[in-house]
Structure formats: C-alpha cells, structure tokens
All heavy atoms as atom14 arrays in JSON, in Angstrom:
{
  "sequence": "SPNKLIEMLLQAAVKHVKLGQIAITEAQPAKAHQQLTKAQNI",
  "atom14_mask": [
    [1, 1, 1, 1, 1, 1, 0, 0, 0, 0, 0, 0, 0, 0],
    [1, 1, 1, 1, 1, 1, 1, 0, 0, 0, 0, 0, 0, 0],
    [1, 1, 1, 1, 1, 1, 1, 1, 0, 0, 0, 0, 0, 0],
    [1, 1, 1, 1, 1, 1, 1, 1, 1, 0, 0, 0, 0, 0],
    [1, 1, 1, 1, 1, 1, 1, 1, 0, 0, 0, 0, 0, 0],
    [1, 1, 1, 1, 1, 1, 1, 1, 0, 0, 0, 0, 0, 0],
    [1, 1, 1, 1, 1, 1, 1, 1, 1, 0, 0, 0, 0, 0],
    [1, 1, 1, 1, 1, 1, 1, 1, 0, 0, 0, 0, 0, 0],
    [1, 1, 1, 1, 1, 1, 1, 1, 0, 0, 0, 0, 0, 0],
    [1, 1, 1, 1, 1, 1, 1, 1, 0, 0, 0, 0, 0, 0],
    [1, 1, 1, 1, 1, 1, 1, 1, 1, 0, 0, 0, 0, 0],
    [1, 1, 1, 1, 1, 0, 0, 0, 0, 0, 0, 0, 0, 0],
    [1, 1, 1, 1, 1, 0, 0, 0, 0, 0, 0, 0, 0, 0],
    [1, 1, 1, 1, 1, 1, 1, 0, 0, 0, 0, 0, 0, 0],
    [1, 1, 1, 1, 1, 1, 1, 1, 1, 0, 0, 0, 0, 0],
    [1, 1, 1, 1, 1, 1, 1, 1, 1, 1, 0, 0, 0, 0],
    [1, 1, 1, 1, 1, 1, 1, 0, 0, 0, 0, 0, 0, 0],
    [1, 1, 1, 1, 1, 1, 1, 1, 1, 0, 0, 0, 0, 0],
    [1, 1, 1, 1, 1, 1, 1, 1, 0, 0, 0, 0, 0, 0],
    [1, 1, 1, 1, 0, 0, 0, 0, 0, 0, 0, 0, 0, 0],
    [1, 1, 1, 1, 1, 1, 1, 1, 1, 0, 0, 0, 0, 0],
    [1, 1, 1, 1, 1, 1, 1, 1, 0, 0, 0, 0, 0, 0],
    [1, 1, 1, 1, 1, 0, 0, 0, 0, 0, 0, 0, 0, 0],
    [1, 1, 1, 1, 1, 1, 1, 1, 0, 0, 0, 0, 0, 0],
    [1, 1, 1, 1, 1, 1, 1, 0, 0, 0, 0, 0, 0, 0],
    [1, 1, 1, 1, 1, 1, 1, 1, 1, 0, 0, 0, 0, 0],
    [1, 1, 1, 1, 1, 0, 0, 0, 0, 0, 0, 0, 0, 0],
    [1, 1, 1, 1, 1, 1, 1, 1, 1, 0, 0, 0, 0, 0],
    [1, 1, 1, 1, 1, 1, 1, 0, 0, 0, 0, 0, 0, 0],
    [1, 1, 1, 1, 1, 0, 0, 0, 0, 0, 0, 0, 0, 0],
    [1, 1, 1, 1, 1, 1, 1, 1, 1, 0, 0, 0, 0, 0],
    [1, 1, 1, 1, 1, 0, 0, 0, 0, 0, 0, 0, 0, 0],
    [1, 1, 1, 1, 1, 1, 1, 1, 1, 1, 0, 0, 0, 0],
    [1, 1, 1, 1, 1, 1, 1, 1, 1, 0, 0, 0, 0, 0],
    [1, 1, 1, 1, 1, 1, 1, 1, 1, 0, 0, 0, 0, 0],
    [1, 1, 1, 1, 1, 1, 1, 1, 0, 0, 0, 0, 0, 0],
    [1, 1, 1, 1, 1, 1, 1, 0, 0, 0, 0, 0, 0, 0],
    [1, 1, 1, 1, 1, 1, 1, 1, 1, 0, 0, 0, 0, 0],
    [1, 1, 1, 1, 1, 0, 0, 0, 0, 0, 0, 0, 0, 0],
    [1, 1, 1, 1, 1, 1, 1, 1, 1, 0, 0, 0, 0, 0],
    [1, 1, 1, 1, 1, 1, 1, 1, 0, 0, 0, 0, 0, 0],
    [1, 1, 1, 1, 1, 1, 1, 1, 0, 0, 0, 0, 0, 0]
  ],
  "atom14_positions": [
    [[79.73, 115.46, 107.24], [80.29, 116.81, 107.63], [81.86, 116.57, 107.91], [82.21, 115.42, 108.04], [79.64, 117.33, 108.89], [79.95, 116.51, 109.98], [0.0, 0.0, 0.0], [0.0, 0.0, 0.0], [0.0, 0.0, 0.0], [0.0, 0.0, 0.0], [0.0, 0.0, 0.0], [0.0, 0.0, 0.0], [0.0, 0.0, 0.0], [0.0, 0.0, 0.0]],
    [[82.6, 117.68, 107.87], [84.01, 117.5, 108.22], [84.27, 116.82, 109.59], [85.2, 115.99, 109.71], [84.59, 118.95, 108.17], [83.69, 119.65, 107.29], [82.27, 118.97, 107.47], [0.0, 0.0, 0.0], [0.0, 0.0, 0.0], [0.0, 0.0, 0.0], [0.0, 0.0, 0.0], [0.0, 0.0, 0.0], [0.0, 0.0, 0.0], [0.0, 0.0, 0.0]],
    [[83.44, 117.15, 110.56], [83.62, 116.53, 111.9], [83.34, 114.99, 111.83], [84.03, 114.29, 112.45], [82.67, 117.27, 112.92], [83.15, 118.59, 113.28], [84.25, 119.0, 113.03], [82.27, 119.4, 113.87], [0.0, 0.0, 0.0], [0.0, 0.0, 0.0], [0.0, 0.0, 0.0], [0.0, 0.0, 0.0], [0.0, 0.0, 0.0], [0.0, 0.0, 0.0]],
    [[82.27, 114.69, 111.1], [81.93, 113.29, 110.96], [82.99, 112.5, 110.16], [83.32, 111.33, 110.48], [80.63, 113.15, 110.21], [80.06, 111.74, 110.13], [79.77, 111.17, 111.47], [79.22, 109.78, 111.36], [79.03, 109.12, 112.69], [0.0, 0.0, 0.0], [0.0, 0.0, 0.0], [0.0, 0.0, 0.0], [0.0, 0.0, 0.0], [0.0, 0.0, 0.0]],
    [[83.65, 113.15, 109.14], [84.69, 112.53, 108.44], [85.84, 112.24, 109.37], [86.51, 111.11, 109.29], [85.21, 113.45, 107.35], [84.31, 113.49, 106.04], [84.84, 114.54, 105.1], [84.12, 112.17, 105.44], [0.0, 0.0, 0.0], [0.0, 0.0, 0.0], [0.0, 0.0, 0.0], [0.0, 0.0, 0.0], [0.0, 0.0, 0.0], [0.0, 0.0, 0.0]],
    [[86.23, 113.13, 110.24], [87.32, 112.81, 111.18], [86.93, 111.66, 112.13], [87.71, 110.82, 112.4], [87.7, 114.09, 111.99], [88.38, 115.09, 110.98], [88.66, 113.75, 113.11], [88.7, 116.43, 111.5], [0.0, 0.0, 0.0], [0.0, 0.0, 0.0], [0.0, 0.0, 0.0], [0.0, 0.0, 0.0], [0.0, 0.0, 0.0], [0.0, 0.0, 0.0]],
    [[85.75, 111.61, 112.56], [85.25, 110.58, 113.44], [85.3, 109.28, 112.63], [85.8, 108.3, 113.17], [83.76, 110.89, 113.83], [83.18, 109.73, 114.68], [81.79, 110.05, 115.17], [81.3, 111.21, 115.08], [81.12, 109.12, 115.47], [0.0, 0.0, 0.0], [0.0, 0.0, 0.0], [0.0, 0.0, 0.0], [0.0, 0.0, 0.0], [0.0, 0.0, 0.0]],
    [[84.92, 109.26, 111.36], [84.98, 107.99, 110.62], [86.42, 107.57, 110.38], [86.76, 106.32, 110.46], [84.32, 108.23, 109.27], [82.86, 108.42, 109.35], [82.09, 109.04, 107.8], [82.17, 107.63, 106.78], [0.0, 0.0, 0.0], [0.0, 0.0, 0.0], [0.0, 0.0, 0.0], [0.0, 0.0, 0.0], [0.0, 0.0, 0.0], [0.0, 0.0, 0.0]],
    [[87.38, 108.51, 110.18], [88.79, 108.16, 110.09], [89.35, 107.57, 111.36], [90.04, 106.54, 111.3], [89.58, 109.37, 109.62], [89.43, 109.76, 108.2], [90.11, 111.16, 107.95], [90.05, 108.79, 107.31], [0.0, 0.0, 0.0], [0.0, 0.0, 0.0], [0.0, 0.0, 0.0], [0.0, 0.0, 0.0], [0.0, 0.0, 0.0], [0.0, 0.0, 0.0]],
    [[88.97, 108.19, 112.48], [89.39, 107.66, 113.74], [88.88, 106.23, 113.99], [89.58, 105.39, 114.53], [89.08, 108.63, 114.87], [89.82, 109.92, 114.94], [89.19, 110.85, 115.96], [91.31, 109.67, 115.28], [0.0, 0.0, 0.0], [0.0, 0.0, 0.0], [0.0, 0.0, 0.0], [0.0, 0.0, 0.0], [0.0, 0.0, 0.0], [0.0, 0.0, 0.0]],
    [[87.65, 106.02, 113.69], [86.99, 104.67, 113.86], [87.77, 103.68, 112.97], [88.05, 102.55, 113.47], [85.51, 104.78, 113.49], [84.65, 105.49, 114.52], [83.22, 105.65, 114.11], [82.93, 105.69, 112.85], [82.34, 105.84, 115.03], [0.0, 0.0, 0.0], [0.0, 0.0, 0.0], [0.0, 0.0, 0.0], [0.0, 0.0, 0.0], [0.0, 0.0, 0.0]],
    [[88.02, 104.06, 111.76], [88.75, 103.16, 110.9], [90.18, 102.89, 111.36], [90.56, 101.73, 111.27], [88.73, 103.68, 109.45], [0.0, 0.0, 0.0], [0.0, 0.0, 0.0], [0.0, 0.0, 0.0], [0.0, 0.0, 0.0], [0.0, 0.0, 0.0], [0.0, 0.0, 0.0], [0.0, 0.0, 0.0], [0.0, 0.0, 0.0], [0.0, 0.0, 0.0]],
    [[90.77, 103.9, 111.84], [92.14, 103.66, 112.34], [92.13, 102.7, 113.56], [93.0, 101.78, 113.56], [92.75, 104.97, 112.78], [0.0, 0.0, 0.0], [0.0, 0.0, 0.0], [0.0, 0.0, 0.0], [0.0, 0.0, 0.0], [0.0, 0.0, 0.0], [0.0, 0.0, 0.0], [0.0, 0.0, 0.0], [0.0, 0.0, 0.0], [0.0, 0.0, 0.0]],
    [[91.26, 102.83, 114.43], [91.13, 101.93, 115.61], [90.9, 100.58, 115.04], [91.51, 99.6, 115.52], [90.0, 102.37, 116.52], [89.67, 101.24, 117.56], [90.3, 103.65, 117.25], [0.0, 0.0, 0.0], [0.0, 0.0, 0.0], [0.0, 0.0, 0.0], [0.0, 0.0, 0.0], [0.0, 0.0, 0.0], [0.0, 0.0, 0.0], [0.0, 0.0, 0.0]],
    [[90.01, 100.36, 114.16], [89.69, 99.02, 113.59], [90.93, 98.4, 112.98], [91.19, 97.29, 113.24], [88.54, 99.12, 112.52], [88.24, 97.83, 111.88], [87.17, 98.02, 110.77], [87.86, 98.27, 109.49], [86.94, 98.18, 108.34], [0.0, 0.0, 0.0], [0.0, 0.0, 0.0], [0.0, 0.0, 0.0], [0.0, 0.0, 0.0], [0.0, 0.0, 0.0]],
    [[91.61, 99.14, 112.11], [92.8, 98.55, 111.45], [93.94, 98.26, 112.44], [94.6, 97.22, 112.25], [93.21, 99.43, 110.32], [92.24, 99.52, 109.2], [91.87, 98.46, 108.48], [91.54, 100.54, 108.63], [90.99, 98.8, 107.56], [90.83, 100.07, 107.68], [0.0, 0.0, 0.0], [0.0, 0.0, 0.0], [0.0, 0.0, 0.0], [0.0, 0.0, 0.0]],
    [[94.12, 99.1, 113.44], [95.17, 98.77, 114.39], [94.87, 97.51, 115.13], [95.7, 96.65, 115.34], [95.37, 100.02, 115.36], [96.32, 99.57, 116.54], [95.95, 101.16, 114.74], [0.0, 0.0, 0.0], [0.0, 0.0, 0.0], [0.0, 0.0, 0.0], [0.0, 0.0, 0.0], [0.0, 0.0, 0.0], [0.0, 0.0, 0.0], [0.0, 0.0, 0.0]],
    [[93.59, 97.42, 115.57], [93.13, 96.21, 116.39], [93.27, 94.96, 115.47], [93.72, 93.86, 115.96], [91.79, 96.32, 116.89], [91.73, 97.36, 118.04], [90.41, 97.44, 118.62], [90.43, 98.38, 119.89], [89.04, 98.47, 120.51], [0.0, 0.0, 0.0], [0.0, 0.0, 0.0], [0.0, 0.0, 0.0], [0.0, 0.0, 0.0], [0.0, 0.0, 0.0]],
    [[92.87, 95.08, 114.25], [92.99, 93.86, 113.29], [94.5, 93.56, 113.09], [94.88, 92.4, 113.0], [92.29, 94.19, 111.96], [90.79, 94.17, 111.99], [90.22, 94.66, 110.62], [90.24, 92.85, 112.39], [0.0, 0.0, 0.0], [0.0, 0.0, 0.0], [0.0, 0.0, 0.0], [0.0, 0.0, 0.0], [0.0, 0.0, 0.0], [0.0, 0.0, 0.0]],
    [[95.36, 94.59, 112.93], [96.78, 94.35, 112.8], [97.36, 93.68, 114.05], [98.19, 92.74, 113.94], [0.0, 0.0, 0.0], [0.0, 0.0, 0.0], [0.0, 0.0, 0.0], [0.0, 0.0, 0.0], [0.0, 0.0, 0.0], [0.0, 0.0, 0.0], [0.0, 0.0, 0.0], [0.0, 0.0, 0.0], [0.0, 0.0, 0.0], [0.0, 0.0, 0.0]],
    [[96.92, 94.13, 115.16], [97.35, 93.53, 116.43], [96.97, 92.04, 116.53], [97.76, 91.2, 116.93], [96.74, 94.32, 117.58], [97.22, 93.97, 118.9], [96.53, 94.77, 120.05], [95.79, 95.65, 119.72], [96.88, 94.49, 121.26], [0.0, 0.0, 0.0], [0.0, 0.0, 0.0], [0.0, 0.0, 0.0], [0.0, 0.0, 0.0], [0.0, 0.0, 0.0]],
    [[95.74, 91.74, 116.11], [95.26, 90.38, 116.15], [96.09, 89.54, 115.1], [96.51, 88.45, 115.52], [93.74, 90.3, 115.78], [92.92, 90.85, 116.92], [93.31, 88.81, 115.46], [91.49, 91.12, 116.59], [0.0, 0.0, 0.0], [0.0, 0.0, 0.0], [0.0, 0.0, 0.0], [0.0, 0.0, 0.0], [0.0, 0.0, 0.0], [0.0, 0.0, 0.0]],
    [[96.34, 90.11, 113.98], [97.19, 89.33, 113.0], [98.53, 89.03, 113.53], [99.12, 87.99, 113.23], [97.16, 90.15, 111.68], [0.0, 0.0, 0.0], [0.0, 0.0, 0.0], [0.0, 0.0, 0.0], [0.0, 0.0, 0.0], [0.0, 0.0, 0.0], [0.0, 0.0, 0.0], [0.0, 0.0, 0.0], [0.0, 0.0, 0.0], [0.0, 0.0, 0.0]],
    [[99.15, 89.98, 114.21], [100.43, 89.73, 114.79], [100.4, 88.63, 115.76], [101.28, 87.66, 115.74], [101.0, 91.03, 115.48], [101.39, 92.15, 114.4], [102.27, 90.71, 116.31], [101.71, 93.45, 115.0], [0.0, 0.0, 0.0], [0.0, 0.0, 0.0], [0.0, 0.0, 0.0], [0.0, 0.0, 0.0], [0.0, 0.0, 0.0], [0.0, 0.0, 0.0]],
    [[99.42, 88.61, 116.63], [99.34, 87.52, 117.65], [99.0, 86.19, 117.02], [99.38, 85.16, 117.62], [98.32, 87.92, 118.8], [97.0, 88.07, 118.21], [98.74, 89.18, 119.55], [0.0, 0.0, 0.0], [0.0, 0.0, 0.0], [0.0, 0.0, 0.0], [0.0, 0.0, 0.0], [0.0, 0.0, 0.0], [0.0, 0.0, 0.0], [0.0, 0.0, 0.0]],
    [[98.37, 86.22, 115.82], [98.09, 84.95, 115.18], [99.11, 84.6, 114.19], [98.88, 83.68, 113.29], [96.67, 85.07, 114.56], [95.53, 85.18, 115.53], [94.17, 85.34, 114.89], [94.09, 85.5, 113.69], [93.2, 85.29, 115.63], [0.0, 0.0, 0.0], [0.0, 0.0, 0.0], [0.0, 0.0, 0.0], [0.0, 0.0, 0.0], [0.0, 0.0, 0.0]],
    [[100.27, 85.25, 114.19], [101.38, 84.99, 113.33], [100.99, 85.05, 111.87], [101.28, 84.12, 111.0], [102.0, 83.58, 113.62], [0.0, 0.0, 0.0], [0.0, 0.0, 0.0], [0.0, 0.0, 0.0], [0.0, 0.0, 0.0], [0.0, 0.0, 0.0], [0.0, 0.0, 0.0], [0.0, 0.0, 0.0], [0.0, 0.0, 0.0], [0.0, 0.0, 0.0]],
    [[100.3, 86.17, 111.48], [99.91, 86.42, 110.11], [100.53, 87.71, 109.67], [99.91, 88.8, 109.61], [98.43, 86.52, 109.89], [97.69, 85.21, 110.28], [96.17, 85.34, 110.2], [95.63, 86.48, 110.31], [95.52, 84.23, 110.01], [0.0, 0.0, 0.0], [0.0, 0.0, 0.0], [0.0, 0.0, 0.0], [0.0, 0.0, 0.0], [0.0, 0.0, 0.0]],
    [[101.89, 87.72, 109.28], [102.59, 88.88, 109.1], [102.09, 89.73, 107.88], [102.03, 90.97, 107.96], [104.06, 88.48, 108.87], [103.93, 86.96, 108.6], [102.75, 86.49, 109.24], [0.0, 0.0, 0.0], [0.0, 0.0, 0.0], [0.0, 0.0, 0.0], [0.0, 0.0, 0.0], [0.0, 0.0, 0.0], [0.0, 0.0, 0.0], [0.0, 0.0, 0.0]],
    [[101.67, 89.11, 106.89], [101.17, 89.85, 105.66], [99.88, 90.52, 106.02], [99.79, 91.76, 105.65], [100.99, 88.89, 104.51], [0.0, 0.0, 0.0], [0.0, 0.0, 0.0], [0.0, 0.0, 0.0], [0.0, 0.0, 0.0], [0.0, 0.0, 0.0], [0.0, 0.0, 0.0], [0.0, 0.0, 0.0], [0.0, 0.0, 0.0], [0.0, 0.0, 0.0]],
    [[98.99, 89.91, 106.72], [97.76, 90.58, 107.12], [98.03, 91.69, 108.06], [97.48, 92.8, 108.04], [96.75, 89.53, 107.72], [95.46, 90.08, 108.03], [94.5, 89.0, 108.48], [93.12, 89.62, 108.78], [92.21, 88.6, 109.35], [0.0, 0.0, 0.0], [0.0, 0.0, 0.0], [0.0, 0.0, 0.0], [0.0, 0.0, 0.0], [0.0, 0.0, 0.0]],
    [[98.95, 91.48, 109.04], [99.36, 92.49, 110.05], [99.84, 93.76, 109.31], [99.47, 94.85, 109.57], [100.35, 91.91, 111.02], [0.0, 0.0, 0.0], [0.0, 0.0, 0.0], [0.0, 0.0, 0.0], [0.0, 0.0, 0.0], [0.0, 0.0, 0.0], [0.0, 0.0, 0.0], [0.0, 0.0, 0.0], [0.0, 0.0, 0.0], [0.0, 0.0, 0.0]],
    [[100.73, 93.52, 108.29], [101.34, 94.6, 107.54], [100.27, 95.37, 106.83], [100.22, 96.62, 106.84], [102.35, 94.03, 106.51], [102.89, 95.05, 105.58], [103.77, 96.05, 106.0], [102.62, 95.38, 104.29], [103.99, 96.82, 104.95], [103.3, 96.43, 103.95], [0.0, 0.0, 0.0], [0.0, 0.0, 0.0], [0.0, 0.0, 0.0], [0.0, 0.0, 0.0]],
    [[99.32, 94.7, 106.19], [98.2, 95.29, 105.44], [97.36, 96.2, 106.41], [97.15, 97.34, 106.08], [97.39, 94.25, 104.78], [96.21, 94.8, 104.02], [95.23, 93.72, 103.52], [95.05, 92.73, 104.13], [94.76, 93.87, 102.27], [0.0, 0.0, 0.0], [0.0, 0.0, 0.0], [0.0, 0.0, 0.0], [0.0, 0.0, 0.0], [0.0, 0.0, 0.0]],
    [[97.0, 95.68, 107.51], [96.09, 96.39, 108.46], [96.89, 97.56, 109.08], [96.34, 98.66, 109.2], [95.58, 95.46, 109.52], [94.6, 94.41, 108.99], [93.46, 94.94, 108.28], [92.88, 96.0, 108.63], [93.03, 94.25, 107.18], [0.0, 0.0, 0.0], [0.0, 0.0, 0.0], [0.0, 0.0, 0.0], [0.0, 0.0, 0.0], [0.0, 0.0, 0.0]],
    [[98.08, 97.38, 109.48], [98.84, 98.46, 110.14], [99.14, 99.57, 109.19], [99.21, 100.71, 109.53], [100.14, 97.94, 110.8], [99.89, 96.98, 111.99], [101.15, 96.39, 112.56], [99.16, 97.64, 113.13], [0.0, 0.0, 0.0], [0.0, 0.0, 0.0], [0.0, 0.0, 0.0], [0.0, 0.0, 0.0], [0.0, 0.0, 0.0], [0.0, 0.0, 0.0]],
    [[99.45, 99.17, 107.91], [99.76, 100.18, 106.87], [98.46, 101.07, 106.64], [98.59, 102.24, 106.43], [100.2, 99.54, 105.58], [101.36, 98.74, 105.84], [100.53, 100.53, 104.46], [0.0, 0.0, 0.0], [0.0, 0.0, 0.0], [0.0, 0.0, 0.0], [0.0, 0.0, 0.0], [0.0, 0.0, 0.0], [0.0, 0.0, 0.0], [0.0, 0.0, 0.0]],
    [[97.33, 100.44, 106.63], [96.06, 101.2, 106.46], [95.9, 102.2, 107.59], [95.59, 103.4, 107.36], [94.85, 100.28, 106.4], [94.71, 99.53, 105.16], [93.52, 98.61, 105.2], [93.34, 97.85, 103.88], [92.12, 96.97, 103.83], [0.0, 0.0, 0.0], [0.0, 0.0, 0.0], [0.0, 0.0, 0.0], [0.0, 0.0, 0.0], [0.0, 0.0, 0.0]],
    [[96.18, 101.74, 108.8], [96.13, 102.66, 109.94], [97.19, 103.79, 109.86], [96.83, 104.94, 110.13], [96.29, 101.9, 111.22], [0.0, 0.0, 0.0], [0.0, 0.0, 0.0], [0.0, 0.0, 0.0], [0.0, 0.0, 0.0], [0.0, 0.0, 0.0], [0.0, 0.0, 0.0], [0.0, 0.0, 0.0], [0.0, 0.0, 0.0], [0.0, 0.0, 0.0]],
    [[98.36, 103.47, 109.41], [99.35, 104.52, 109.17], [98.94, 105.52, 108.23], [99.12, 106.78, 108.37], [100.7, 103.9, 108.71], [101.41, 103.04, 109.83], [102.57, 102.25, 109.22], [102.46, 100.99, 109.29], [103.57, 102.87, 108.74], [0.0, 0.0, 0.0], [0.0, 0.0, 0.0], [0.0, 0.0, 0.0], [0.0, 0.0, 0.0], [0.0, 0.0, 0.0]],
    [[98.31, 105.07, 107.14], [97.86, 105.98, 106.1], [96.78, 106.93, 106.63], [96.74, 108.1, 106.28], [97.39, 105.28, 104.85], [98.53, 104.6, 104.05], [99.67, 105.07, 104.19], [98.21, 103.52, 103.34], [0.0, 0.0, 0.0], [0.0, 0.0, 0.0], [0.0, 0.0, 0.0], [0.0, 0.0, 0.0], [0.0, 0.0, 0.0], [0.0, 0.0, 0.0]],
    [[95.91, 106.39, 107.46], [94.83, 107.2, 108.03], [95.47, 108.28, 108.93], [95.08, 109.49, 108.88], [93.82, 106.36, 108.82], [93.01, 105.49, 107.88], [92.96, 107.26, 109.7], [92.17, 104.46, 108.52], [0.0, 0.0, 0.0], [0.0, 0.0, 0.0], [0.0, 0.0, 0.0], [0.0, 0.0, 0.0], [0.0, 0.0, 0.0], [0.0, 0.0, 0.0]]
  ]
}
C-alpha cells in the first residue's frame, strides 16, 4: 500500500544512513559515499 511504501522507504533510509555512518568511522570513503547517496535519493 502507499503507507507501507513510505514505511519501507524510511526503513531503507535509516539502514543506508547507519551503514554510511559505519563506513565513515571505518575510513571507507567510497562505501560511505555509496550508502549516504542512497539515503539522499530516498
């Protein structure tokens, strides 16, 4: 449903931001960029 789609997008955004954050702290700039860009697109 439209409501479920928004929920799924929010869940994916949280996931990608957290993965980007982890990549930054682990000094993996390419991975951080990839994850944060996915969250930005969401």
